PDB file of N, CA and C in Angstrom:
ATOM      1  N   MET A   1     157.445 159.448  55.853  1.00  0.00           N
ATOM      2  CA  MET A   1     158.846 159.202  56.566  1.00  0.00           C
ATOM      3  C   MET A   1     158.202 158.204  57.657  1.00  0.00           C
ATOM      4  N   LYS A   2     156.986 159.020  58.181  1.00  0.00           N
ATOM      5  CA  LYS A   2     156.548 158.075  59.366  1.00  0.00           C
ATOM      6  C   LYS A   2     156.130 156.593  59.190  1.00  0.00           C
ATOM      7  N   TYR A   3     155.818 156.497  57.948  1.00  0.00           N
ATOM      8  CA  TYR A   3     155.486 155.298  57.367  1.00  0.00           C
ATOM      9  C   TYR A   3     156.709 154.100  57.245  1.00  0.00           C
ATOM     10  N   ARG A   4     157.641 154.937  56.623  1.00  0.00           N
ATOM     11  CA  ARG A   4     158.734 154.117  56.827  1.00  0.00           C
ATOM     12  C   ARG A   4     159.495 153.527  57.568  1.00  0.00           C
ATOM     13  N   TRP A   5     159.345 154.308  59.009  1.00  0.00           N
ATOM     14  CA  TRP A   5     160.024 153.696  60.100  1.00  0.00           C
ATOM     15  C   TRP A   5     158.796 152.578  60.803  1.00  0.00           C
ATOM     16  N   LEU A   6     157.338 152.601  60.372  1.00  0.00           N
ATOM     17  CA  LEU A   6     156.800 152.128  61.078  1.00  0.00           C
ATOM     18  C   LEU A   6     157.140 150.835  60.389  1.00  0.00           C
ATOM     19  N   LEU A   7     157.208 150.839  59.127  1.00  0.00           N
ATOM     20  CA  LEU A   7     157.374 149.563  58.063  1.00  0.00           C
ATOM     21  C   LEU A   7     158.684 148.646  58.325  1.00  0.00           C
ATOM     22  N   LEU A   8     159.787 149.649  58.948  1.00  0.00           N
ATOM     23  CA  LEU A   8     161.128 149.076  59.132  1.00  0.00           C
ATOM     24  C   LEU A   8     160.822 148.271  60.646  1.00  0.00           C
ATOM     25  N   ILE A   9     160.249 148.760  61.230  1.00  0.00           N
ATOM     26  CA  ILE A   9     159.779 148.216  62.773  1.00  0.00           C
ATOM     27  C   ILE A   9     159.199 146.915  62.959  1.00  0.00           C
ATOM     28  N   CYS A  10     157.889 146.707  61.675  1.00  0.00           N
ATOM     29  CA  CYS A  10     157.307 145.497  61.588  1.00  0.00           C
ATOM     30  C   CYS A  10     158.075 144.339  60.783  1.00  0.00           C
ATOM     31  N   VAL A  11     158.973 144.729  59.778  1.00  0.00           N
ATOM     32  CA  VAL A  11     159.671 144.214  59.380  1.00  0.00           C
ATOM     33  C   VAL A  11     161.155 143.294  60.524  1.00  0.00           C
ATOM     34  N   TRP A  12     161.271 144.465  61.235  1.00  0.00           N
ATOM     35  CA  TRP A  12     162.371 143.804  62.379  1.00  0.00           C
ATOM     36  C   TRP A  12     161.464 143.111  62.817  1.00  0.00           C
ATOM     37  N   PHE A  13     160.088 142.929  63.669  1.00  0.00           N
ATOM     38  CA  PHE A  13     159.344 142.429  64.220  1.00  0.00           C
ATOM     39  C   PHE A  13     159.310 141.000  63.714  1.00  0.00           C
ATOM     40  N   LEU A  14     158.721 140.931  62.257  1.00  0.00           N
ATOM     41  CA  LEU A  14     159.112 139.519  62.020  1.00  0.00           C
ATOM     42  C   LEU A  14     160.266 139.000  62.046  1.00  0.00           C
ATOM     43  N   SER A  15     161.156 139.642  61.471  1.00  0.00           N
ATOM     44  CA  SER A  15     162.219 138.716  61.564  1.00  0.00           C
ATOM     45  C   SER A  15     162.974 138.309  63.064  1.00  0.00           C
ATOM     46  N   PHE A  16     162.748 138.762  63.711  1.00  0.00           N
ATOM     47  CA  PHE A  16     162.946 138.553  65.005  1.00  0.00           C
ATOM     48  C   PHE A  16     161.963 137.316  65.436  1.00  0.00           C
ATOM     49  N   CYS A  17     160.985 137.212  65.396  1.00  0.00           N
ATOM     50  CA  CYS A  17     159.853 136.274  65.957  1.00  0.00           C
ATOM     51  C   CYS A  17     160.360 134.835  65.288  1.00  0.00           C
ATOM     52  N   SER A  18     160.736 134.692  63.910  1.00  0.00           N
ATOM     53  CA  SER A  18     161.006 133.571  63.392  1.00  0.00           C
ATOM     54  C   SER A  18     162.135 133.406  62.597  1.00  0.00           C
ATOM     55  N   PRO A  19     163.212 133.906  62.984  1.00  0.00           N
ATOM     56  CA  PRO A  19     164.478 133.413  62.370  1.00  0.00           C
ATOM     57  C   PRO A  19     164.983 132.263  61.485  1.00  0.00           C
ATOM     58  N   ALA A  20     164.399 131.145  61.767  1.00  0.00           N
ATOM     59  CA  ALA A  20     164.968 129.993  61.197  1.00  0.00           C
ATOM     60  C   ALA A  20     164.011 129.697  60.511  1.00  0.00           C
ATOM     61  N   ILE A  21     162.865 130.282  60.140  1.00  0.00           N
ATOM     62  CA  ILE A  21     161.785 129.977  59.035  1.00  0.00           C
ATOM     63  C   ILE A  21     162.207 130.482  57.916  1.00  0.00           C
ATOM     64  N   ALA A  22     162.590 129.474  56.841  1.00  0.00           N
ATOM     65  CA  ALA A  22     162.612 130.206  55.327  1.00  0.00           C
ATOM     66  C   ALA A  22     161.168 130.170  54.745  1.00  0.00           C
ATOM     67  N   GLY A  23     161.658 131.474  53.985  1.00  0.00           N
ATOM     68  CA  GLY A  23     160.032 132.127  53.453  1.00  0.00           C
ATOM     69  C   GLY A  23     160.435 133.722  53.280  1.00  0.00           C
ATOM     70  N   LYS A  24     159.677 134.169  52.760  1.00  0.00           N
ATOM     71  CA  LYS A  24     159.886 135.855  52.474  1.00  0.00           C
ATOM     72  C   LYS A  24     158.977 136.932  53.268  1.00  0.00           C
ATOM     73  N   ILE A  25     159.256 137.763  53.046  1.00  0.00           N
ATOM     74  CA  ILE A  25     158.517 139.518  53.389  1.00  0.00           C
ATOM     75  C   ILE A  25     158.015 140.266  52.561  1.00  0.00           C
ATOM     76  N   THR A  26     157.124 140.347  52.625  1.00  0.00           N
ATOM     77  CA  THR A  26     156.657 141.263  51.255  1.00  0.00           C
ATOM     78  C   THR A  26     155.802 142.321  51.712  1.00  0.00           C
ATOM     79  N   GLY A  27     156.223 143.389  50.950  1.00  0.00           N
ATOM     80  CA  GLY A  27     155.355 144.957  51.649  1.00  0.00           C
ATOM     81  C   GLY A  27     155.287 145.673  50.604  1.00  0.00           C
ATOM     82  N   ARG A  28     154.580 146.956  50.856  1.00  0.00           N
ATOM     83  CA  ARG A  28     154.361 147.965  49.846  1.00  0.00           C
ATOM     84  C   ARG A  28     154.589 149.138  50.508  1.00  0.00           C
ATOM     85  N   VAL A  29     155.355 150.370  50.001  1.00  0.00           N
ATOM     86  CA  VAL A  29     155.651 151.266  50.416  1.00  0.00           C
ATOM     87  C   VAL A  29     155.196 152.694  49.747  1.00  0.00           C
ATOM     88  N   LEU A  30     154.172 153.416  50.825  1.00  0.00           N
ATOM     89  CA  LEU A  30     153.671 154.450  50.892  1.00  0.00           C
ATOM     90  C   LEU A  30     153.891 155.196  51.221  1.00  0.00           C
ATOM     91  N   ASP A  31     153.817 156.620  50.316  1.00  0.00           N
ATOM     92  CA  ASP A  31     153.899 158.113  50.902  1.00  0.00           C
ATOM     93  C   ASP A  31     153.050 158.377  51.923  1.00  0.00           C
ATOM     94  N   GLU A  32     153.099 159.795  52.414  1.00  0.00           N
ATOM     95  CA  GLU A  32     152.032 160.131  53.026  1.00  0.00           C
ATOM     96  C   GLU A  32     150.755 160.544  52.512  1.00  0.00           C
ATOM     97  N   LYS A  33     150.948 160.495  51.250  1.00  0.00           N
ATOM     98  CA  LYS A  33     149.876 160.569  50.481  1.00  0.00           C
ATOM     99  C   LYS A  33     149.035 159.392  50.032  1.00  0.00           C
ATOM    100  N   GLY A  34     149.664 158.426  50.276  1.00  0.00           N
ATOM    101  CA  GLY A  34     149.308 156.872  49.877  1.00  0.00           C
ATOM    102  C   GLY A  34     149.419 156.735  48.590  1.00  0.00           C
ATOM    103  N   GLU A  35     150.461 157.326  48.112  1.00  0.00           N
ATOM    104  CA  GLU A  35     151.099 157.171  46.619  1.00  0.00           C
ATOM    105  C   GLU A  35     152.340 155.998  46.938  1.00  0.00           C
ATOM    106  N   THR A  36     152.826 155.227  46.075  1.00  0.00           N
ATOM    107  CA  THR A  36     153.645 154.606  45.805  1.00  0.00           C
ATOM    108  C   THR A  36     155.083 155.421  46.121  1.00  0.00           C
ATOM    109  N   VAL A  37     156.033 154.621  46.672  1.00  0.00           N
ATOM    110  CA  VAL A  37     157.098 155.314  46.496  1.00  0.00           C
ATOM    111  C   VAL A  37     158.079 154.142  46.006  1.00  0.00           C
ATOM    112  N   VAL A  38     158.184 154.448  44.550  1.00  0.00           N
ATOM    113  CA  VAL A  38     159.527 153.739  43.881  1.00  0.00           C
ATOM    114  C   VAL A  38     160.591 153.889  44.260  1.00  0.00           C
ATOM    115  N   ALA A  39     161.601 152.954  44.001  1.00  0.00           N
ATOM    116  CA  ALA A  39     163.208 152.727  44.189  1.00  0.00           C
ATOM    117  C   ALA A  39     163.395 152.985  45.676  1.00  0.00           C
ATOM    118  N   ALA A  40     162.175 152.843  46.778  1.00  0.00           N
ATOM    119  CA  ALA A  40     162.851 152.935  48.026  1.00  0.00           C
ATOM    120  C   ALA A  40     163.722 151.662  48.608  1.00  0.00           C
ATOM    121  N   THR A  41     164.778 152.092  49.157  1.00  0.00           N
ATOM    122  CA  THR A  41     165.750 150.769  49.880  1.00  0.00           C
ATOM    123  C   THR A  41     164.942 150.266  50.930  1.00  0.00           C
ATOM    124  N   VAL A  42     164.588 149.031  51.197  1.00  0.00           N
ATOM    125  CA  VAL A  42     164.167 148.502  52.535  1.00  0.00           C
ATOM    126  C   VAL A  42     165.081 147.689  53.101  1.00  0.00           C
ATOM    127  N   VAL A  43     165.411 147.750  54.197  1.00  0.00           N
ATOM    128  CA  VAL A  43     166.321 146.904  54.876  1.00  0.00           C
ATOM    129  C   VAL A  43     166.033 146.086  56.111  1.00  0.00           C
ATOM    130  N   LEU A  44     166.624 144.887  55.975  1.00  0.00           N
ATOM    131  CA  LEU A  44     166.280 144.126  57.430  1.00  0.00           C
ATOM    132  C   LEU A  44     167.454 143.953  58.182  1.00  0.00           C
ATOM    133  N   LEU A  45     167.419 144.756  59.300  1.00  0.00           N
ATOM    134  CA  LEU A  45     168.793 144.421  60.131  1.00  0.00           C
ATOM    135  C   LEU A  45     168.507 143.668  61.268  1.00  0.00           C
ATOM    136  N   ASN A  46     170.053 143.246  61.799  1.00  0.00           N
ATOM    137  CA  ASN A  46     170.011 141.992  62.899  1.00  0.00           C
ATOM    138  C   ASN A  46     169.816 142.794  64.070  1.00  0.00           C
ATOM    139  N   PRO A  47     168.656 142.637  64.811  1.00  0.00           N
ATOM    140  CA  PRO A  47     168.676 143.372  66.176  1.00  0.00           C
ATOM    141  C   PRO A  47     169.428 143.336  67.328  1.00  0.00           C
ATOM    142  N   GLY A  48     170.373 142.237  67.014  1.00  0.00           N
ATOM    143  CA  GLY A  48     171.701 142.503  68.328  1.00  0.00           C
ATOM    144  C   GLY A  48     172.798 143.492  67.854  1.00  0.00           C
ATOM    145  N   ASP A  49     173.120 143.565  66.701  1.00  0.00           N
ATOM    146  CA  ASP A  49     174.231 144.549  66.480  1.00  0.00           C
ATOM    147  C   ASP A  49     173.967 145.395  64.816  1.00  0.00           C
ATOM    148  N   ASN A  50     172.837 145.351  64.700  1.00  0.00           N
ATOM    149  CA  ASN A  50     172.580 146.188  63.602  1.00  0.00           C
ATOM    150  C   ASN A  50     172.999 145.994  62.035  1.00  0.00           C
ATOM    151  N   SER A  51     173.676 144.895  61.945  1.00  0.00           N
ATOM    152  CA  SER A  51     174.410 144.474  60.734  1.00  0.00           C
ATOM    153  C   SER A  51     172.861 144.080  59.654  1.00  0.00           C
ATOM    154  N   LEU A  52     173.628 144.758  58.603  1.00  0.00           N
ATOM    155  CA  LEU A  52     172.347 144.059  57.299  1.00  0.00           C
ATOM    156  C   LEU A  52     172.271 142.190  56.837  1.00  0.00           C
ATOM    157  N   VAL A  53     170.713 142.456  57.273  1.00  0.00           N
ATOM    158  CA  VAL A  53     170.811 140.647  56.948  1.00  0.00           C
ATOM    159  C   VAL A  53     169.925 140.896  55.443  1.00  0.00           C
ATOM    160  N   ARG A  54     169.031 141.574  55.033  1.00  0.00           N
ATOM    161  CA  ARG A  54     168.702 141.408  53.838  1.00  0.00           C
ATOM    162  C   ARG A  54     168.260 142.729  53.471  1.00  0.00           C
ATOM    163  N   SER A  55     168.332 143.350  52.129  1.00  0.00           N
ATOM    164  CA  SER A  55     167.607 144.467  51.351  1.00  0.00           C
ATOM    165  C   SER A  55     166.806 144.136  50.299  1.00  0.00           C
ATOM    166  N   ALA A  56     166.183 145.099  49.612  1.00  0.00           N
ATOM    167  CA  ALA A  56     165.511 144.998  48.825  1.00  0.00           C
ATOM    168  C   ALA A  56     165.042 146.729  48.154  1.00  0.00           C
ATOM    169  N   ILE A  57     164.615 146.300  47.091  1.00  0.00           N
ATOM    170  CA  ILE A  57     164.366 147.899  46.154  1.00  0.00           C
ATOM    171  C   ILE A  57     162.937 148.023  45.707  1.00  0.00           C
ATOM    172  N   THR A  58     162.076 148.969  46.042  1.00  0.00           N
ATOM    173  CA  THR A  58     160.681 148.816  45.833  1.00  0.00           C
ATOM    174  C   THR A  58     160.555 148.632  44.122  1.00  0.00           C
ATOM    175  N   ASP A  59     159.487 148.150  43.371  1.00  0.00           N
ATOM    176  CA  ASP A  59     159.455 148.030  42.253  1.00  0.00           C
ATOM    177  C   ASP A  59     158.637 149.618  41.725  1.00  0.00           C
ATOM    178  N   ASP A  60     157.620 149.511  40.662  1.00  0.00           N
ATOM    179  CA  ASP A  60     157.229 150.801  40.158  1.00  0.00           C
ATOM    180  C   ASP A  60     155.710 150.504  40.639  1.00  0.00           C
ATOM    181  N   LYS A  61     155.317 149.578  41.490  1.00  0.00           N
ATOM    182  CA  LYS A  61     154.550 149.764  41.903  1.00  0.00           C
ATOM    183  C   LYS A  61     154.637 149.927  43.699  1.00  0.00           C
ATOM    184  N   GLY A  62     155.919 150.080  44.193  1.00  0.00           N
ATOM    185  CA  GLY A  62     156.146 149.977  45.508  1.00  0.00           C
ATOM    186  C   GLY A  62     156.232 148.883  46.267  1.00  0.00           C
ATOM    187  N   ILE A  63     156.419 147.551  45.699  1.00  0.00           N
ATOM    188  CA  ILE A  63     156.249 146.461  46.230  1.00  0.00           C
ATOM    189  C   ILE A  63     157.770 145.632  46.450  1.00  0.00           C
ATOM    190  N   PHE A  64     158.336 145.478  47.667  1.00  0.00           N
ATOM    191  CA  PHE A  64     159.596 144.749  47.781  1.00  0.00           C
ATOM    192  C   PHE A  64     159.176 143.248  48.202  1.00  0.00           C
ATOM    193  N   VAL A  65     160.016 142.558  48.328  1.00  0.00           N
ATOM    194  CA  VAL A  65     160.305 141.218  48.807  1.00  0.00           C
ATOM    195  C   VAL A  65     161.666 141.010  49.094  1.00  0.00           C
ATOM    196  N   LEU A  66     161.521 140.615  50.416  1.00  0.00           N
ATOM    197  CA  LEU A  66     163.014 140.297  51.163  1.00  0.00           C
ATOM    198  C   LEU A  66     162.771 138.515  51.370  1.00  0.00           C
ATOM    199  N   GLU A  67     163.635 137.882  50.624  1.00  0.00           N
ATOM    200  CA  GLU A  67     163.742 136.420  50.908  1.00  0.00           C
ATOM    201  C   GLU A  67     164.581 135.606  51.630  1.00  0.00           C
ATOM    202  N   ASN A  68     164.319 134.936  52.371  1.00  0.00           N
ATOM    203  CA  ASN A  68     165.015 133.813  53.330  1.00  0.00           C
ATOM    204  C   ASN A  68     165.581 132.835  52.741  1.00  0.00           C
ATOM    205  N   ASN A  69     166.690 132.692  52.223  1.00  0.00           N
ATOM    206  CA  ASN A  69     167.220 131.510  51.600  1.00  0.00           C
ATOM    207  C   ASN A  69     167.943 130.854  52.532  1.00  0.00           C
TER     208      ASN A  69
END
Protein backbone atom coordinates (compact mmCIF):
# COMPACT_ATOMS: atom_id res chain seq x y z
CA MET A 1 0.00 0.00 0.00
CA LYS A 2 2.87 2.34 0.84
CA TYR A 3 4.36 1.84 -2.62
CA ARG A 4 1.06 2.58 -4.34
CA TRP A 5 0.89 5.99 -2.69
CA LEU A 6 4.49 6.69 -3.67
CA LEU A 7 3.69 5.71 -7.24
CA LEU A 8 0.63 7.96 -7.35
CA ILE A 9 2.60 10.90 -5.98
CA CYS A 10 5.32 10.38 -8.61
CA VAL A 11 2.78 10.19 -11.42
CA TRP A 12 1.03 13.30 -10.12
CA PHE A 13 4.32 15.21 -9.91
CA LEU A 14 5.31 14.26 -13.44
CA SER A 15 1.96 15.35 -14.83
CA PHE A 16 2.15 18.67 -13.02
CA CYS A 17 5.62 19.51 -14.35
CA SER A 18 4.81 19.14 -18.04
CA PRO A 19 1.08 19.03 -18.76
CA ALA A 20 1.34 20.29 -22.35
CA ILE A 21 3.89 17.74 -23.55
CA ALA A 22 2.56 14.78 -25.50
CA GLY A 23 3.98 11.45 -24.41
CA LYS A 24 3.40 8.63 -22.03
CA ILE A 25 4.10 7.65 -18.46
CA THR A 26 5.03 4.05 -17.81
CA GLY A 27 5.76 2.21 -14.61
CA ARG A 28 5.57 -1.02 -12.71
CA VAL A 29 3.50 -1.68 -9.59
CA LEU A 30 5.07 -3.91 -6.94
CA ASP A 31 3.81 -4.99 -3.53
CA GLU A 32 5.73 -4.92 -0.25
CA LYS A 33 7.45 -8.20 -1.12
CA GLY A 34 8.62 -6.89 -4.50
CA GLU A 35 6.17 -9.04 -6.42
CA THR A 36 4.18 -7.65 -9.34
CA VAL A 37 0.60 -6.52 -8.79
CA VAL A 38 -1.64 -7.75 -11.59
CA ALA A 39 -4.78 -5.80 -12.59
CA ALA A 40 -4.06 -2.84 -10.28
CA THR A 41 -5.74 0.42 -11.24
CA VAL A 42 -3.39 3.38 -11.71
CA VAL A 43 -4.96 6.83 -11.94
CA LEU A 44 -3.69 10.27 -12.86
CA LEU A 45 -5.65 13.04 -11.16
CA ASN A 46 -5.83 16.76 -11.85
CA PRO A 47 -4.18 18.44 -8.83
CA GLY A 48 -6.59 21.37 -8.97
CA ASP A 49 -9.85 19.52 -8.44
CA ASN A 50 -8.90 15.81 -8.24
CA SER A 51 -10.77 15.05 -11.46
CA LEU A 52 -9.67 11.99 -13.43
CA VAL A 53 -7.18 12.74 -16.23
CA ARG A 54 -6.12 9.22 -17.25
CA SER A 55 -6.31 5.70 -15.89
CA ALA A 56 -4.70 2.37 -16.68
CA ILE A 57 -4.69 -1.20 -15.44
CA THR A 58 -1.47 -3.13 -14.91
CA ASP A 59 -0.76 -6.15 -17.07
CA ASP A 60 0.45 -9.58 -15.96
CA LYS A 61 3.93 -8.14 -15.32
CA GLY A 62 2.60 -5.21 -13.26
CA ILE A 63 3.37 -2.68 -16.01
CA PHE A 64 1.08 0.24 -16.83
CA VAL A 65 1.06 2.94 -19.52
CA LEU A 66 -0.66 6.33 -19.23
CA GLU A 67 -0.66 8.00 -22.65
CA ASN A 68 -1.15 11.71 -23.25
CA ASN A 69 -2.93 11.99 -26.59
